[in-house]
N, C-alpha and C. Protein backbone atom coordinates (compact mmCIF):
# COMPACT_ATOMS: atom_id res chain seq x y z
N UNK A 1 0.98 -1.23 -0.37
CA UNK A 1 0.16 0.06 0.11
C UNK A 1 1.01 1.33 0.06
N UNK A 2 1.69 1.36 0.65
CA UNK A 2 2.72 2.14 1.08
C UNK A 2 3.38 3.16 -0.40
N UNK A 3 3.93 1.44 -1.22
CA UNK A 3 4.58 1.61 -2.52
C UNK A 3 3.51 2.61 -3.74
N UNK A 4 2.30 2.06 -3.30
CA UNK A 4 1.59 2.77 -4.49
C UNK A 4 1.40 4.01 -4.39
N UNK A 5 0.78 4.25 -2.42
CA UNK A 5 1.17 6.16 -2.66
C UNK A 5 2.54 6.85 -2.90
N UNK A 6 3.50 6.01 -3.00
CA UNK A 6 4.92 6.71 -3.42
C UNK A 6 5.00 6.88 -5.16
N UNK A 7 3.97 5.93 -5.69
CA UNK A 7 4.01 5.82 -6.93
C UNK A 7 2.79 7.09 -7.04
N UNK A 8 2.21 7.58 -6.56
CA UNK A 8 0.83 8.25 -6.89
C UNK A 8 1.66 8.89 -6.69
N UNK A 9 2.33 9.66 -5.73
CA UNK A 9 3.01 11.04 -5.11
C UNK A 9 3.89 11.44 -6.40
N UNK A 10 4.39 10.11 -6.47
CA UNK A 10 5.71 10.61 -8.36
C UNK A 10 5.03 11.20 -8.95
N UNK A 11 3.86 10.26 -9.83
CA UNK A 11 2.99 10.60 -10.74
C UNK A 11 2.19 12.44 -10.49
N UNK A 12 1.59 12.57 -9.64
CA UNK A 12 1.66 13.69 -9.57
C UNK A 12 2.50 14.85 -9.52
N UNK A 13 3.75 14.54 -9.26
CA UNK A 13 5.15 15.45 -9.22
C UNK A 13 4.73 16.01 -10.74
N UNK A 14 5.03 14.62 -11.41
CA UNK A 14 5.44 14.22 -12.97
C UNK A 14 4.59 15.18 -13.37
N UNK A 15 3.12 14.90 -13.23
CA UNK A 15 2.27 15.83 -13.95
C UNK A 15 2.72 17.28 -13.84
N UNK A 16 2.68 17.82 -13.06
CA UNK A 16 3.23 19.14 -12.72
C UNK A 16 4.44 19.63 -13.33
N UNK A 17 5.42 18.90 -13.15
CA UNK A 17 6.45 19.53 -13.98
C UNK A 17 6.42 19.11 -15.36
N UNK A 18 5.99 18.26 -15.94
CA UNK A 18 4.99 18.16 -17.29
C UNK A 18 4.13 19.57 -17.81
N UNK A 19 3.48 19.57 -16.77
CA UNK A 19 2.31 21.29 -17.01
C UNK A 19 3.53 22.35 -16.93
N UNK A 20 4.32 22.46 -16.52
CA UNK A 20 5.40 23.67 -16.13
C UNK A 20 5.91 23.58 -17.98
N UNK A 21 6.58 22.49 -17.80
CA UNK A 21 7.17 22.23 -19.12
C UNK A 21 6.78 22.64 -20.28
N UNK A 22 5.21 22.20 -20.51
CA UNK A 22 4.66 22.66 -21.28
C UNK A 22 4.55 24.44 -21.52
N UNK A 23 4.13 25.00 -20.04
CA UNK A 23 3.98 26.17 -20.13
C UNK A 23 5.30 26.98 -20.67
N UNK A 24 6.28 26.56 -20.15
CA UNK A 24 7.88 26.98 -20.89
C UNK A 24 7.44 26.72 -22.65
N UNK A 25 7.29 25.68 -23.16
CA UNK A 25 7.63 25.65 -24.44
C UNK A 25 6.82 26.57 -25.40
N UNK A 26 5.35 26.43 -24.65
CA UNK A 26 4.45 27.70 -25.15
C UNK A 26 5.75 29.11 -25.29
N UNK A 27 5.76 29.36 -24.22
CA UNK A 27 5.94 30.99 -24.23
C UNK A 27 6.93 30.56 -25.02
N UNK A 28 8.05 29.33 -25.31
CA UNK A 28 8.83 30.09 -26.00
C UNK A 28 8.45 30.06 -27.78
N UNK A 29 7.53 28.91 -27.92
CA UNK A 29 6.58 28.88 -29.72
C UNK A 29 6.47 30.91 -29.51
N UNK A 30 5.78 30.93 -28.79
CA UNK A 30 5.23 32.03 -29.09
C UNK A 30 6.69 33.36 -29.61
N UNK A 31 7.42 33.21 -28.32
CA UNK A 31 8.07 34.37 -28.77
C UNK A 31 9.07 34.05 -29.73
N UNK A 32 9.11 32.55 -30.40
CA UNK A 32 10.50 33.00 -31.29
C UNK A 32 9.17 33.30 -32.89
N UNK A 33 8.01 33.09 -32.74
CA UNK A 33 6.78 33.70 -33.57
C UNK A 33 6.38 34.52 -34.16
N UNK A 34 6.68 35.16 -32.97
CA UNK A 34 6.91 36.81 -33.04
C UNK A 34 7.99 37.32 -33.08
N UNK A 35 8.98 36.50 -32.96
CA UNK A 35 10.39 37.06 -33.44
C UNK A 35 10.46 37.26 -34.89
N UNK A 36 9.85 36.22 -35.19
CA UNK A 36 9.80 35.83 -37.04
C UNK A 36 9.24 36.37 -37.54
N UNK A 37 8.17 37.23 -37.27
CA UNK A 37 6.95 37.99 -37.85
C UNK A 37 7.96 39.24 -37.72
N UNK A 38 8.54 39.48 -36.84
CA UNK A 38 8.86 40.81 -36.41
C UNK A 38 10.06 41.17 -37.29
N UNK A 39 11.11 39.89 -37.40
CA UNK A 39 12.12 39.96 -38.74
C UNK A 39 11.26 39.98 -40.21
N UNK A 40 10.38 39.74 -40.21
CA UNK A 40 10.04 39.03 -41.88
C UNK A 40 9.47 40.78 -41.92
N UNK A 41 8.21 42.09 -40.61
CA UNK A 41 8.49 42.85 -40.92
C UNK A 41 9.12 43.70 -41.44
N UNK A 42 10.49 43.92 -40.51
CA UNK A 42 11.59 44.72 -40.52
C UNK A 42 12.62 44.65 -41.70
N UNK A 43 12.47 43.23 -42.58
CA UNK A 43 12.68 43.25 -43.64
C UNK A 43 11.78 43.95 -44.91
N UNK A 44 11.10 43.06 -44.79
CA UNK A 44 10.36 43.83 -45.64
C UNK A 44 9.92 44.69 -45.98
N UNK A 45 9.46 46.02 -44.95
CA UNK A 45 9.12 47.37 -45.32
C UNK A 45 10.13 47.86 -45.96
N UNK A 46 11.38 47.97 -45.73
CA UNK A 46 12.38 48.89 -46.56
C UNK A 46 12.50 48.33 -47.42
N UNK A 47 12.11 46.55 -48.23
CA UNK A 47 12.46 46.59 -49.31
C UNK A 47 11.04 46.92 -50.59
N UNK A 48 10.71 46.60 -49.60
CA UNK A 48 9.35 47.49 -50.41
C UNK A 48 8.53 48.79 -50.86
N UNK A 49 10.11 49.67 -49.71
CA UNK A 49 9.90 51.46 -49.79
C UNK A 49 10.64 51.17 -50.90
N UNK A 50 11.33 50.31 -50.93
CA UNK A 50 12.85 51.15 -52.33
C UNK A 50 12.15 50.42 -53.26
N UNK A 51 11.14 49.87 -53.38
CA UNK A 51 10.77 49.21 -54.88
C UNK A 51 9.97 50.40 -54.96
N UNK A 52 8.93 51.19 -54.25
CA UNK A 52 8.09 52.38 -54.79
C UNK A 52 9.17 53.24 -54.91
N UNK A 53 10.23 53.64 -53.86
CA UNK A 53 11.03 54.53 -54.26
C UNK A 53 12.41 54.44 -55.50
N UNK A 54 12.61 53.45 -55.40
CA UNK A 54 14.16 53.37 -56.60
C UNK A 54 13.05 54.06 -57.93
N UNK A 55 11.65 53.78 -58.76
CA UNK A 55 11.57 54.53 -59.77
C UNK A 55 10.64 55.50 -59.61
N UNK A 56 10.36 56.16 -58.67
CA UNK A 56 10.11 57.55 -58.41
C UNK A 56 11.97 58.31 -58.54
N UNK A 57 12.37 57.62 -57.93
CA UNK A 57 14.13 58.71 -57.92
C UNK A 57 14.57 58.09 -59.42
N UNK A 58 14.07 57.84 -59.44
CA UNK A 58 14.54 56.90 -61.56
C UNK A 58 14.39 58.04 -62.28
N UNK A 59 13.06 58.00 -62.37
CA UNK A 59 12.15 58.93 -62.73
C UNK A 59 12.67 60.81 -62.57
N UNK A 60 12.78 61.22 -61.69
CA UNK A 60 12.87 62.36 -61.24
C UNK A 60 14.67 62.32 -62.01
N UNK A 61 15.37 61.72 -61.82
CA UNK A 61 16.43 61.36 -62.12
C UNK A 61 16.83 61.35 -63.54
N UNK A 62 16.34 60.97 -64.45
CA UNK A 62 16.41 60.97 -65.79
C UNK A 62 15.47 62.24 -66.12
N UNK A 63 14.19 62.73 -66.13
CA UNK A 63 13.59 63.81 -65.95
C UNK A 63 14.70 65.24 -66.14
N UNK A 64 15.50 65.09 -64.72
CA UNK A 64 16.41 66.21 -64.59
C UNK A 64 17.45 65.98 -65.44
N UNK A 65 18.09 64.98 -65.92
CA UNK A 65 18.80 64.97 -66.91
C UNK A 65 18.66 64.91 -68.41
N UNK A 66 17.09 64.77 -68.46
CA UNK A 66 16.59 65.29 -69.72
C UNK A 66 16.77 66.62 -69.72
N UNK A 67 16.18 67.61 -68.93
CA UNK A 67 16.69 68.96 -69.25
C UNK A 67 17.80 69.51 -69.21
N UNK A 68 18.85 69.11 -68.96
CA UNK A 68 19.63 69.39 -69.07
C UNK A 68 20.46 69.10 -70.39
N UNK A 69 19.73 68.24 -71.18
CA UNK A 69 20.26 67.64 -72.56
C UNK A 69 19.51 68.90 -73.84
């Protein structure tokens, strides 16, 4: 009978440790997800800005060169 009580106590401890590990894993998963989203946004916004800005800059530059010629 004492053995069963020890086994039940160990199982309860293991279950609590498992819950803590799961919480920690979920926090880590969310951190990685948000970090990935942030990285993509920080990378893509300048690229999109350049895709828009370079043609405008080139058009202005070419118009100014045509005015000189």
